[in-house]
Amino acid sequence: MIRNLWSPQDVASYLGVPVGTVYQWRSRGGGPPGRRVGKHVRYKPDEVERWFADLPEEVI
């Protein structure tokens, strides 16, 4: 099954963080992997979910 790509807004909604946080992660080289499509950044849902699953479980 093919899933639509996510925008930064979709990623922010999925993770429950402000969209500005997603942009900060990208500019600092962190966060889920995204790709440029023309002038837009898009994310593969599976990669965002994998990135989240690989985060440490502890809260600091």
N, C-alpha and C. Protein backbone atom coordinates (compact mmCIF):
# COMPACT_ATOMS: atom_id res chain seq x y z
N MET A 1 0.84 -1.18 0.00
CA MET A 1 0.00 0.00 0.00
C MET A 1 0.89 1.25 0.00
N ILE A 2 0.59 2.18 -0.85
CA ILE A 2 1.34 3.43 -0.93
C ILE A 2 0.69 4.45 -0.01
N ARG A 3 1.51 5.04 0.85
CA ARG A 3 1.02 6.08 1.75
C ARG A 3 1.49 7.43 1.23
N ASN A 4 0.66 8.44 1.41
CA ASN A 4 1.04 9.79 1.01
C ASN A 4 2.22 10.27 1.85
N LEU A 5 3.02 11.14 1.25
CA LEU A 5 4.10 11.76 1.99
C LEU A 5 3.51 12.77 2.97
N TRP A 6 4.25 13.04 4.05
CA TRP A 6 3.80 13.99 5.06
C TRP A 6 4.52 15.32 4.90
N SER A 7 3.80 16.37 5.17
CA SER A 7 4.38 17.71 5.24
C SER A 7 4.94 17.92 6.64
N PRO A 8 5.71 18.99 6.86
CA PRO A 8 6.16 19.28 8.22
C PRO A 8 4.98 19.45 9.20
N GLN A 9 3.86 19.97 8.72
CA GLN A 9 2.68 20.11 9.56
C GLN A 9 2.13 18.75 9.98
N ASP A 10 2.15 17.80 9.05
CA ASP A 10 1.69 16.44 9.36
C ASP A 10 2.59 15.78 10.39
N VAL A 11 3.90 15.97 10.24
CA VAL A 11 4.86 15.40 11.19
C VAL A 11 4.64 16.01 12.57
N ALA A 12 4.48 17.33 12.62
CA ALA A 12 4.25 18.00 13.89
C ALA A 12 2.96 17.49 14.55
N SER A 13 1.93 17.31 13.78
CA SER A 13 0.66 16.81 14.32
C SER A 13 0.82 15.39 14.85
N TYR A 14 1.51 14.54 14.11
CA TYR A 14 1.72 13.15 14.52
C TYR A 14 2.51 13.08 15.83
N LEU A 15 3.54 13.92 15.95
CA LEU A 15 4.41 13.89 17.12
C LEU A 15 3.89 14.76 18.27
N GLY A 16 2.91 15.61 17.99
CA GLY A 16 2.36 16.48 19.02
C GLY A 16 3.31 17.59 19.43
N VAL A 17 4.03 18.13 18.46
CA VAL A 17 4.96 19.23 18.72
C VAL A 17 4.62 20.38 17.77
N PRO A 18 5.06 21.60 18.10
CA PRO A 18 4.84 22.72 17.18
C PRO A 18 5.59 22.50 15.86
N VAL A 19 5.03 23.01 14.79
CA VAL A 19 5.66 22.85 13.48
C VAL A 19 7.04 23.52 13.46
N GLY A 20 7.21 24.58 14.23
CA GLY A 20 8.51 25.22 14.33
C GLY A 20 9.59 24.29 14.86
N THR A 21 9.20 23.37 15.73
CA THR A 21 10.15 22.40 16.26
C THR A 21 10.65 21.48 15.15
N VAL A 22 9.76 21.07 14.27
CA VAL A 22 10.14 20.20 13.13
C VAL A 22 11.15 20.94 12.25
N TYR A 23 10.90 22.22 11.99
CA TYR A 23 11.83 23.01 11.18
C TYR A 23 13.17 23.20 11.89
N GLN A 24 13.14 23.39 13.22
CA GLN A 24 14.40 23.53 13.98
C GLN A 24 15.20 22.24 13.91
N TRP A 25 14.55 21.10 14.08
CA TRP A 25 15.25 19.82 13.99
C TRP A 25 15.94 19.71 12.64
N ARG A 26 15.23 20.06 11.58
CA ARG A 26 15.78 19.94 10.23
C ARG A 26 16.98 20.87 10.06
N SER A 27 16.88 22.10 10.52
CA SER A 27 17.97 23.05 10.33
C SER A 27 19.20 22.68 11.17
N ARG A 28 18.99 21.96 12.27
CA ARG A 28 20.10 21.55 13.14
C ARG A 28 20.61 20.15 12.83
N GLY A 29 20.02 19.50 11.84
CA GLY A 29 20.49 18.17 11.45
C GLY A 29 19.92 17.04 12.29
N GLY A 30 18.85 17.28 13.00
CA GLY A 30 18.22 16.23 13.81
C GLY A 30 16.81 15.96 13.31
N GLY A 31 16.08 15.23 14.09
CA GLY A 31 14.70 14.94 13.73
C GLY A 31 14.60 13.85 12.68
N PRO A 32 13.38 13.56 12.28
CA PRO A 32 13.18 12.51 11.27
C PRO A 32 13.73 12.95 9.91
N PRO A 33 14.15 11.98 9.10
CA PRO A 33 14.71 12.33 7.79
C PRO A 33 13.63 12.86 6.85
N GLY A 34 13.94 13.98 6.22
CA GLY A 34 13.03 14.57 5.24
C GLY A 34 13.76 14.78 3.92
N ARG A 35 12.98 15.00 2.90
CA ARG A 35 13.56 15.21 1.56
C ARG A 35 12.90 16.39 0.89
N ARG A 36 13.69 17.09 0.10
CA ARG A 36 13.14 18.19 -0.68
C ARG A 36 12.45 17.65 -1.92
N VAL A 37 11.26 18.18 -2.15
CA VAL A 37 10.52 17.92 -3.38
C VAL A 37 10.21 19.30 -3.94
N GLY A 38 11.04 19.73 -4.87
CA GLY A 38 10.93 21.11 -5.33
C GLY A 38 11.28 22.04 -4.19
N LYS A 39 10.39 22.96 -3.85
CA LYS A 39 10.65 23.88 -2.75
C LYS A 39 10.05 23.39 -1.43
N HIS A 40 9.49 22.20 -1.42
CA HIS A 40 8.82 21.66 -0.24
C HIS A 40 9.64 20.55 0.41
N VAL A 41 9.46 20.39 1.72
CA VAL A 41 10.06 19.27 2.45
C VAL A 41 8.97 18.26 2.70
N ARG A 42 9.27 17.00 2.42
CA ARG A 42 8.30 15.93 2.64
C ARG A 42 8.96 14.79 3.39
N TYR A 43 8.15 14.07 4.13
CA TYR A 43 8.61 12.97 4.97
C TYR A 43 7.84 11.70 4.63
N LYS A 44 8.54 10.56 4.65
CA LYS A 44 7.88 9.28 4.50
C LYS A 44 7.35 8.87 5.88
N PRO A 45 6.05 8.61 5.98
CA PRO A 45 5.48 8.25 7.28
C PRO A 45 6.21 7.10 7.98
N ASP A 46 6.61 6.08 7.23
CA ASP A 46 7.31 4.94 7.83
C ASP A 46 8.62 5.37 8.47
N GLU A 47 9.33 6.31 7.83
CA GLU A 47 10.61 6.77 8.37
C GLU A 47 10.41 7.62 9.62
N VAL A 48 9.34 8.43 9.64
CA VAL A 48 9.04 9.23 10.84
C VAL A 48 8.71 8.29 11.99
N GLU A 49 7.88 7.30 11.73
CA GLU A 49 7.50 6.34 12.77
C GLU A 49 8.71 5.55 13.27
N ARG A 50 9.60 5.17 12.37
CA ARG A 50 10.81 4.44 12.75
C ARG A 50 11.73 5.33 13.59
N TRP A 51 11.89 6.59 13.17
CA TRP A 51 12.71 7.55 13.92
C TRP A 51 12.16 7.70 15.34
N PHE A 52 10.87 7.83 15.47
CA PHE A 52 10.25 7.97 16.79
C PHE A 52 10.45 6.71 17.63
N ALA A 53 10.26 5.56 17.03
CA ALA A 53 10.42 4.29 17.75
C ALA A 53 11.86 4.10 18.23
N ASP A 54 12.83 4.65 17.51
CA ASP A 54 14.24 4.49 17.87
C ASP A 54 14.72 5.50 18.93
N LEU A 55 13.87 6.47 19.29
CA LEU A 55 14.26 7.42 20.34
C LEU A 55 14.35 6.71 21.68
N PRO A 56 15.23 7.19 22.57
CA PRO A 56 15.30 6.60 23.90
C PRO A 56 13.96 6.79 24.63
N GLU A 57 13.60 5.80 25.44
CA GLU A 57 12.32 5.86 26.13
C GLU A 57 12.32 6.76 27.35
N GLU A 58 13.50 6.98 27.93
CA GLU A 58 13.56 7.78 29.15
C GLU A 58 13.33 9.25 28.86
N VAL A 59 12.79 9.94 29.85
CA VAL A 59 12.58 11.38 29.77
C VAL A 59 13.62 12.02 30.69
N ILE A 60 14.34 12.99 30.14
CA ILE A 60 15.40 13.64 30.93
C ILE A 60 14.89 14.98 31.42
